[in-house]
Amino acid sequence: MSSYKIEQKRLVHRGREFHFVSYEGVLANPSKALPASPPGWYLMQSGKRISVMPQLLDQTPEAVDEGLIKWLDRHVFG
């Protein structure tokens, strides 16, 4: 059983609210040709989850917010 704790963040940026959720990494599955993925932050939008950035254990909440906002500026507003 995993001890991973999912985190959620709601950020308001440029007048819009965005919902981010952290997910545990997964091991590679060669039989299904799926690569491994590290724990990461995902944007939840329209019933889909979009990979944003890796989740680092030693990151402060402020650093996470800064990384998410930089991603929004590049990929949503860029």
PDB file of N, CA and C in Angstrom:
ATOM      1  N   MET A   1       0.840  -1.182   0.000  1.00  0.00           N
ATOM      2  CA  MET A   1       0.000   0.000   0.000  1.00  0.00           C
ATOM      3  C   MET A   1       0.886   1.246   0.000  1.00  0.00           C
ATOM      4  N   SER A   2       0.535   2.184  -0.824  1.00  0.00           N
ATOM      5  CA  SER A   2       1.330   3.392  -0.976  1.00  0.00           C
ATOM      6  C   SER A   2       1.028   4.400   0.134  1.00  0.00           C
ATOM      7  N   SER A   3       2.052   5.137   0.516  1.00  0.00           N
ATOM      8  CA  SER A   3       1.849   6.181   1.525  1.00  0.00           C
ATOM      9  C   SER A   3       1.832   7.563   0.879  1.00  0.00           C
ATOM     10  N   TYR A   4       1.708   7.596  -0.435  1.00  0.00           N
ATOM     11  CA  TYR A   4       1.702   8.867  -1.164  1.00  0.00           C
ATOM     12  C   TYR A   4       0.459   9.676  -0.810  1.00  0.00           C
ATOM     13  N   LYS A   5       0.655  10.962  -0.563  1.00  0.00           N
ATOM     14  CA  LYS A   5      -0.469  11.843  -0.234  1.00  0.00           C
ATOM     15  C   LYS A   5      -0.686  12.832  -1.383  1.00  0.00           C
ATOM     16  N   ILE A   6      -1.856  12.767  -1.962  1.00  0.00           N
ATOM     17  CA  ILE A   6      -2.207  13.664  -3.065  1.00  0.00           C
ATOM     18  C   ILE A   6      -2.370  15.081  -2.523  1.00  0.00           C
ATOM     19  N   GLU A   7      -1.838  16.040  -3.266  1.00  0.00           N
ATOM     20  CA  GLU A   7      -1.987  17.448  -2.906  1.00  0.00           C
ATOM     21  C   GLU A   7      -2.818  18.139  -3.984  1.00  0.00           C
ATOM     22  N   GLN A   8      -3.534  19.177  -3.595  1.00  0.00           N
ATOM     23  CA  GLN A   8      -4.306  19.969  -4.542  1.00  0.00           C
ATOM     24  C   GLN A   8      -4.013  21.441  -4.316  1.00  0.00           C
ATOM     25  N   LYS A   9      -4.024  22.179  -5.407  1.00  0.00           N
ATOM     26  CA  LYS A   9      -3.823  23.635  -5.335  1.00  0.00           C
ATOM     27  C   LYS A   9      -4.803  24.291  -6.291  1.00  0.00           C
ATOM     28  N   ARG A  10      -5.410  25.355  -5.830  1.00  0.00           N
ATOM     29  CA  ARG A  10      -6.240  26.206  -6.690  1.00  0.00           C
ATOM     30  C   ARG A  10      -5.553  27.561  -6.735  1.00  0.00           C
ATOM     31  N   LEU A  11      -5.144  27.943  -7.932  1.00  0.00           N
ATOM     32  CA  LEU A  11      -4.456  29.217  -8.116  1.00  0.00           C
ATOM     33  C   LEU A  11      -5.291  30.131  -8.991  1.00  0.00           C
ATOM     34  N   VAL A  12      -5.362  31.402  -8.627  1.00  0.00           N
ATOM     35  CA  VAL A  12      -5.994  32.409  -9.470  1.00  0.00           C
ATOM     36  C   VAL A  12      -4.858  33.177 -10.131  1.00  0.00           C
ATOM     37  N   HIS A  13      -4.873  33.173 -11.468  1.00  0.00           N
ATOM     38  CA  HIS A  13      -3.818  33.858 -12.228  1.00  0.00           C
ATOM     39  C   HIS A  13      -4.459  34.542 -13.424  1.00  0.00           C
ATOM     40  N   ARG A  14      -4.182  35.815 -13.569  1.00  0.00           N
ATOM     41  CA  ARG A  14      -4.747  36.638 -14.644  1.00  0.00           C
ATOM     42  C   ARG A  14      -6.272  36.559 -14.673  1.00  0.00           C
ATOM     43  N   GLY A  15      -6.864  36.535 -13.496  1.00  0.00           N
ATOM     44  CA  GLY A  15      -8.314  36.567 -13.380  1.00  0.00           C
ATOM     45  C   GLY A  15      -9.017  35.238 -13.587  1.00  0.00           C
ATOM     46  N   ARG A  16      -8.266  34.167 -13.757  1.00  0.00           N
ATOM     47  CA  ARG A  16      -8.866  32.831 -13.941  1.00  0.00           C
ATOM     48  C   ARG A  16      -8.385  31.893 -12.844  1.00  0.00           C
ATOM     49  N   GLU A  17      -9.255  30.960 -12.465  1.00  0.00           N
ATOM     50  CA  GLU A  17      -8.876  29.979 -11.448  1.00  0.00           C
ATOM     51  C   GLU A  17      -8.450  28.684 -12.127  1.00  0.00           C
ATOM     52  N   PHE A  18      -7.368  28.095 -11.630  1.00  0.00           N
ATOM     53  CA  PHE A  18      -6.847  26.839 -12.157  1.00  0.00           C
ATOM     54  C   PHE A  18      -6.718  25.840 -11.018  1.00  0.00           C
ATOM     55  N   HIS A  19      -7.026  24.586 -11.314  1.00  0.00           N
ATOM     56  CA  HIS A  19      -6.985  23.519 -10.317  1.00  0.00           C
ATOM     57  C   HIS A  19      -5.863  22.553 -10.697  1.00  0.00           C
ATOM     58  N   PHE A  20      -4.903  22.384  -9.780  1.00  0.00           N
ATOM     59  CA  PHE A  20      -3.779  21.479  -9.986  1.00  0.00           C
ATOM     60  C   PHE A  20      -3.837  20.371  -8.942  1.00  0.00           C
ATOM     61  N   VAL A  21      -3.453  19.159  -9.357  1.00  0.00           N
ATOM     62  CA  VAL A  21      -3.439  18.001  -8.457  1.00  0.00           C
ATOM     63  C   VAL A  21      -2.116  17.272  -8.652  1.00  0.00           C
ATOM     64  N   SER A  22      -1.531  16.809  -7.555  1.00  0.00           N
ATOM     65  CA  SER A  22      -0.306  16.007  -7.652  1.00  0.00           C
ATOM     66  C   SER A  22      -0.692  14.534  -7.725  1.00  0.00           C
ATOM     67  N   TYR A  23       0.062  13.790  -8.511  1.00  0.00           N
ATOM     68  CA  TYR A  23      -0.164  12.350  -8.638  1.00  0.00           C
ATOM     69  C   TYR A  23       1.143  11.611  -8.436  1.00  0.00           C
ATOM     70  N   GLU A  24       1.033  10.433  -7.872  1.00  0.00           N
ATOM     71  CA  GLU A  24       2.170   9.566  -7.627  1.00  0.00           C
ATOM     72  C   GLU A  24       2.743   9.094  -8.959  1.00  0.00           C
ATOM     73  N   GLY A  25       4.044   8.883  -8.998  1.00  0.00           N
ATOM     74  CA  GLY A  25       4.679   8.344 -10.198  1.00  0.00           C
ATOM     75  C   GLY A  25       4.255   6.899 -10.429  1.00  0.00           C
ATOM     76  N   VAL A  26       4.462   6.432 -11.653  1.00  0.00           N
ATOM     77  CA  VAL A  26       4.122   5.045 -11.992  1.00  0.00           C
ATOM     78  C   VAL A  26       5.349   4.364 -12.593  1.00  0.00           C
ATOM     79  N   LEU A  27       5.441   3.067 -12.360  1.00  0.00           N
ATOM     80  CA  LEU A  27       6.524   2.275 -12.924  1.00  0.00           C
ATOM     81  C   LEU A  27       6.240   2.002 -14.400  1.00  0.00           C
ATOM     82  N   ALA A  28       7.288   1.745 -15.154  1.00  0.00           N
ATOM     83  CA  ALA A  28       7.135   1.408 -16.567  1.00  0.00           C
ATOM     84  C   ALA A  28       6.384   0.085 -16.688  1.00  0.00           C
ATOM     85  N   ASN A  29       5.618  -0.049 -17.764  1.00  0.00           N
ATOM     86  CA  ASN A  29       4.907  -1.288 -18.054  1.00  0.00           C
ATOM     87  C   ASN A  29       5.246  -1.692 -19.488  1.00  0.00           C
ATOM     88  N   PRO A  30       6.320  -2.490 -19.654  1.00  0.00           N
ATOM     89  CA  PRO A  30       6.756  -2.853 -21.004  1.00  0.00           C
ATOM     90  C   PRO A  30       5.700  -3.609 -21.811  1.00  0.00           C
ATOM     91  N   SER A  31       4.858  -4.407 -21.166  1.00  0.00           N
ATOM     92  CA  SER A  31       3.851  -5.167 -21.902  1.00  0.00           C
ATOM     93  C   SER A  31       2.808  -4.264 -22.550  1.00  0.00           C
ATOM     94  N   LYS A  32       2.611  -3.060 -22.005  1.00  0.00           N
ATOM     95  CA  LYS A  32       1.672  -2.100 -22.589  1.00  0.00           C
ATOM     96  C   LYS A  32       2.400  -0.935 -23.253  1.00  0.00           C
ATOM     97  N   ALA A  33       3.732  -1.035 -23.319  1.00  0.00           N
ATOM     98  CA  ALA A  33       4.579  -0.002 -23.919  1.00  0.00           C
ATOM     99  C   ALA A  33       4.384   1.358 -23.245  1.00  0.00           C
ATOM    100  N   LEU A  34       4.216   1.354 -21.910  1.00  0.00           N
ATOM    101  CA  LEU A  34       4.062   2.595 -21.154  1.00  0.00           C
ATOM    102  C   LEU A  34       5.355   2.888 -20.404  1.00  0.00           C
ATOM    103  N   PRO A  35       5.903   4.096 -20.591  1.00  0.00           N
ATOM    104  CA  PRO A  35       7.136   4.453 -19.869  1.00  0.00           C
ATOM    105  C   PRO A  35       6.839   4.799 -18.415  1.00  0.00           C
ATOM    106  N   ALA A  36       7.874   4.796 -17.604  1.00  0.00           N
ATOM    107  CA  ALA A  36       7.737   5.230 -16.205  1.00  0.00           C
ATOM    108  C   ALA A  36       7.530   6.740 -16.179  1.00  0.00           C
ATOM    109  N   SER A  37       6.843   7.201 -15.142  1.00  0.00           N
ATOM    110  CA  SER A  37       6.692   8.648 -14.975  1.00  0.00           C
ATOM    111  C   SER A  37       6.895   8.987 -13.496  1.00  0.00           C
ATOM    112  N   PRO A  38       7.582  10.106 -13.244  1.00  0.00           N
ATOM    113  CA  PRO A  38       7.838  10.512 -11.859  1.00  0.00           C
ATOM    114  C   PRO A  38       6.587  11.153 -11.253  1.00  0.00           C
ATOM    115  N   PRO A  39       6.566  11.342  -9.932  1.00  0.00           N
ATOM    116  CA  PRO A  39       5.444  12.083  -9.335  1.00  0.00           C
ATOM    117  C   PRO A  39       5.391  13.475  -9.957  1.00  0.00           C
ATOM    118  N   GLY A  40       4.196  13.980 -10.156  1.00  0.00           N
ATOM    119  CA  GLY A  40       4.109  15.282 -10.810  1.00  0.00           C
ATOM    120  C   GLY A  40       2.842  16.043 -10.516  1.00  0.00           C
ATOM    121  N   TRP A  41       2.855  17.280 -10.964  1.00  0.00           N
ATOM    122  CA  TRP A  41       1.701  18.169 -10.867  1.00  0.00           C
ATOM    123  C   TRP A  41       0.972  18.175 -12.195  1.00  0.00           C
ATOM    124  N   TYR A  42      -0.360  18.134 -12.133  1.00  0.00           N
ATOM    125  CA  TYR A  42      -1.201  18.091 -13.323  1.00  0.00           C
ATOM    126  C   TYR A  42      -2.277  19.163 -13.228  1.00  0.00           C
ATOM    127  N   LEU A  43      -2.562  19.780 -14.360  1.00  0.00           N
ATOM    128  CA  LEU A  43      -3.674  20.719 -14.463  1.00  0.00           C
ATOM    129  C   LEU A  43      -4.925  19.923 -14.758  1.00  0.00           C
ATOM    130  N   MET A  44      -5.976  20.149 -13.984  1.00  0.00           N
ATOM    131  CA  MET A  44      -7.262  19.485 -14.213  1.00  0.00           C
ATOM    132  C   MET A  44      -8.124  20.467 -15.000  1.00  0.00           C
ATOM    133  N   GLN A  45      -8.509  20.059 -16.222  1.00  0.00           N
ATOM    134  CA  GLN A  45      -9.276  20.965 -17.063  1.00  0.00           C
ATOM    135  C   GLN A  45     -10.174  20.157 -17.987  1.00  0.00           C
ATOM    136  N   SER A  46     -11.451  20.479 -17.971  1.00  0.00           N
ATOM    137  CA  SER A  46     -12.449  19.829 -18.839  1.00  0.00           C
ATOM    138  C   SER A  46     -12.424  18.313 -18.704  1.00  0.00           C
ATOM    139  N   GLY A  47     -12.277  17.824 -17.484  1.00  0.00           N
ATOM    140  CA  GLY A  47     -12.294  16.381 -17.247  1.00  0.00           C
ATOM    141  C   GLY A  47     -11.015  15.671 -17.668  1.00  0.00           C
ATOM    142  N   LYS A  48      -9.990  16.416 -18.009  1.00  0.00           N
ATOM    143  CA  LYS A  48      -8.713  15.831 -18.417  1.00  0.00           C
ATOM    144  C   LYS A  48      -7.624  16.295 -17.472  1.00  0.00           C
ATOM    145  N   ARG A  49      -6.536  15.542 -17.448  1.00  0.00           N
ATOM    146  CA  ARG A  49      -5.390  15.977 -16.652  1.00  0.00           C
ATOM    147  C   ARG A  49      -4.205  16.157 -17.587  1.00  0.00           C
ATOM    148  N   ILE A  50      -3.564  17.304 -17.432  1.00  0.00           N
ATOM    149  CA  ILE A  50      -2.475  17.700 -18.306  1.00  0.00           C
ATOM    150  C   ILE A  50      -1.213  17.808 -17.458  1.00  0.00           C
ATOM    151  N   SER A  51      -0.185  17.070 -17.840  1.00  0.00           N
ATOM    152  CA  SER A  51       1.075  17.082 -17.090  1.00  0.00           C
ATOM    153  C   SER A  51       1.700  18.470 -17.149  1.00  0.00           C
ATOM    154  N   VAL A  52       2.102  18.982 -15.974  1.00  0.00           N
ATOM    155  CA  VAL A  52       2.664  20.320 -15.885  1.00  0.00           C
ATOM    156  C   VAL A  52       4.140  20.272 -15.532  1.00  0.00           C
ATOM    157  N   MET A  53       4.481  19.631 -14.413  1.00  0.00           N
ATOM    158  CA  MET A  53       5.880  19.609 -13.967  1.00  0.00           C
ATOM    159  C   MET A  53       6.071  18.499 -12.944  1.00  0.00           C
ATOM    160  N   PRO A  54       7.317  18.036 -12.786  1.00  0.00           N
ATOM    161  CA  PRO A  54       7.584  17.021 -11.752  1.00  0.00           C
ATOM    162  C   PRO A  54       7.359  17.585 -10.357  1.00  0.00           C
ATOM    163  N   GLN A  55       7.009  16.704  -9.451  1.00  0.00           N
ATOM    164  CA  GLN A  55       6.842  17.087  -8.048  1.00  0.00           C
ATOM    165  C   GLN A  55       8.129  16.738  -7.310  1.00  0.00           C
ATOM    166  N   LEU A  56       8.748  17.744  -6.702  1.00  0.00           N
ATOM    167  CA  LEU A  56       9.987  17.543  -5.956  1.00  0.00           C
ATOM    168  C   LEU A  56       9.685  17.618  -4.462  1.00  0.00           C
ATOM    169  N   LEU A  57      10.192  16.662  -3.718  1.00  0.00           N
ATOM    170  CA  LEU A  57       9.858  16.571  -2.296  1.00  0.00           C
ATOM    171  C   LEU A  57      10.363  17.750  -1.475  1.00  0.00           C
ATOM    172  N   ASP A  58      11.488  18.335  -1.860  1.00  0.00           N
ATOM    173  CA  ASP A  58      12.059  19.410  -1.051  1.00  0.00           C
ATOM    174  C   ASP A  58      11.611  20.804  -1.490  1.00  0.00           C
ATOM    175  N   GLN A  59      10.655  20.895  -2.404  1.00  0.00           N
ATOM    176  CA  GLN A  59      10.184  22.197  -2.884  1.00  0.00           C
ATOM    177  C   GLN A  59       9.246  22.846  -1.889  1.00  0.00           C
ATOM    178  N   THR A  60       9.420  24.142  -1.673  1.00  0.00           N
ATOM    179  CA  THR A  60       8.513  24.882  -0.795  1.00  0.00           C
ATOM    180  C   THR A  60       7.195  25.126  -1.530  1.00  0.00           C
ATOM    181  N   PRO A  61       6.107  25.353  -0.800  1.00  0.00           N
ATOM    182  CA  PRO A  61       4.832  25.669  -1.455  1.00  0.00           C
ATOM    183  C   PRO A  61       4.938  26.896  -2.373  1.00  0.00           C
ATOM    184  N   GLU A  62       5.743  27.868  -1.980  1.00  0.00           N
ATOM    185  CA  GLU A  62       5.924  29.070  -2.804  1.00  0.00           C
ATOM    186  C   GLU A  62       6.617  28.727  -4.119  1.00  0.00           C
ATOM    187  N   ALA A  63       7.612  27.831  -4.065  1.00  0.00           N
ATOM    188  CA  ALA A  63       8.328  27.416  -5.275  1.00  0.00           C
ATOM    189  C   ALA A  63       7.411  26.634  -6.211  1.00  0.00           C
ATOM    190  N   VAL A  64       6.526  25.810  -5.636  1.00  0.00           N
ATOM    191  CA  VAL A  64       5.558  25.075  -6.447  1.00  0.00           C
ATOM    192  C   VAL A  64       4.626  26.061  -7.151  1.00  0.00           C
ATOM    193  N   ASP A  65       4.087  27.014  -6.400  1.00  0.00           N
ATOM    194  CA  ASP A  65       3.197  28.020  -6.996  1.00  0.00           C
ATOM    195  C   ASP A  65       3.900  28.766  -8.124  1.00  0.00           C
ATOM    196  N   GLU A  66       5.150  29.153  -7.896  1.00  0.00           N
ATOM    197  CA  GLU A  66       5.915  29.882  -8.910  1.00  0.00           C
ATOM    198  C   GLU A  66       6.088  29.038 -10.180  1.00  0.00           C
ATOM    199  N   GLY A  67       6.399  27.754 -10.012  1.00  0.00           N
ATOM    200  CA  GLY A  67       6.548  26.862 -11.162  1.00  0.00           C
ATOM    201  C   GLY A  67       5.252  26.675 -11.924  1.00  0.00           C
ATOM    202  N   LEU A  68       4.137  26.546 -11.203  1.00  0.00           N
ATOM    203  CA  LEU A  68       2.840  26.380 -11.850  1.00  0.00           C
ATOM    204  C   LEU A  68       2.446  27.642 -12.618  1.00  0.00           C
ATOM    205  N   ILE A  69       2.711  28.802 -12.032  1.00  0.00           N
ATOM    206  CA  ILE A  69       2.383  30.067 -12.701  1.00  0.00           C
ATOM    207  C   ILE A  69       3.250  30.265 -13.939  1.00  0.00           C
ATOM    208  N   LYS A  70       4.532  29.918 -13.856  1.00  0.00           N
ATOM    209  CA  LYS A  70       5.398  30.006 -15.039  1.00  0.00           C
ATOM    210  C   LYS A  70       4.874  29.106 -16.156  1.00  0.00           C
ATOM    211  N   TRP A  71       4.424  27.902 -15.789  1.00  0.00           N
ATOM    212  CA  TRP A  71       3.870  26.982 -16.784  1.00  0.00           C
ATOM    213  C   TRP A  71       2.618  27.584 -17.422  1.00  0.00           C
ATOM    214  N   LEU A  72       1.736  28.157 -16.602  1.00  0.00           N
ATOM    215  CA  LEU A  72       0.526  28.791 -17.139  1.00  0.00           C
ATOM    216  C   LEU A  72       0.889  29.910 -18.117  1.00  0.00           C
ATOM    217  N   ASP A  73       1.858  30.737 -17.753  1.00  0.00           N
ATOM    218  CA  ASP A  73       2.266  31.844 -18.629  1.00  0.00           C
ATOM    219  C   ASP A  73       2.774  31.331 -19.971  1.00  0.00           C
ATOM    220  N   ARG A  74       3.508  30.229 -19.965  1.00  0.00           N
ATOM    221  CA  ARG A  74       4.066  29.677 -21.205  1.00  0.00           C
ATOM    222  C   ARG A  74       3.036  28.928 -22.045  1.00  0.00           C
ATOM    223  N   HIS A  75       2.193  28.116 -21.387  1.00  0.00           N
ATOM    224  CA  HIS A  75       1.338  27.194 -22.135  1.00  0.00           C
ATOM    225  C   HIS A  75      -0.125  27.608 -22.270  1.00  0.00           C
ATOM    226  N   VAL A  76      -0.614  28.428 -21.386  1.00  0.00           N
ATOM    227  CA  VAL A  76      -2.013  28.853 -21.458  1.00  0.00           C
ATOM    228  C   VAL A  76      -2.114  30.281 -22.005  1.00  0.00           C
ATOM    229  N   PHE A  77      -1.263  31.140 -21.493  1.00  0.00           N
ATOM    230  CA  PHE A  77      -1.341  32.548 -21.887  1.00  0.00           C
ATOM    231  C   PHE A  77      -0.296  32.941 -22.927  1.00  0.00           C
ATOM    232  N   GLY A  78       0.625  32.028 -23.254  1.00  0.00           N
ATOM    233  CA  GLY A  78       1.732  32.345 -24.159  1.00  0.00           C
ATOM    234  C   GLY A  78       1.375  32.299 -25.541  1.00  0.00           C
TER     235      GLY A  78
END
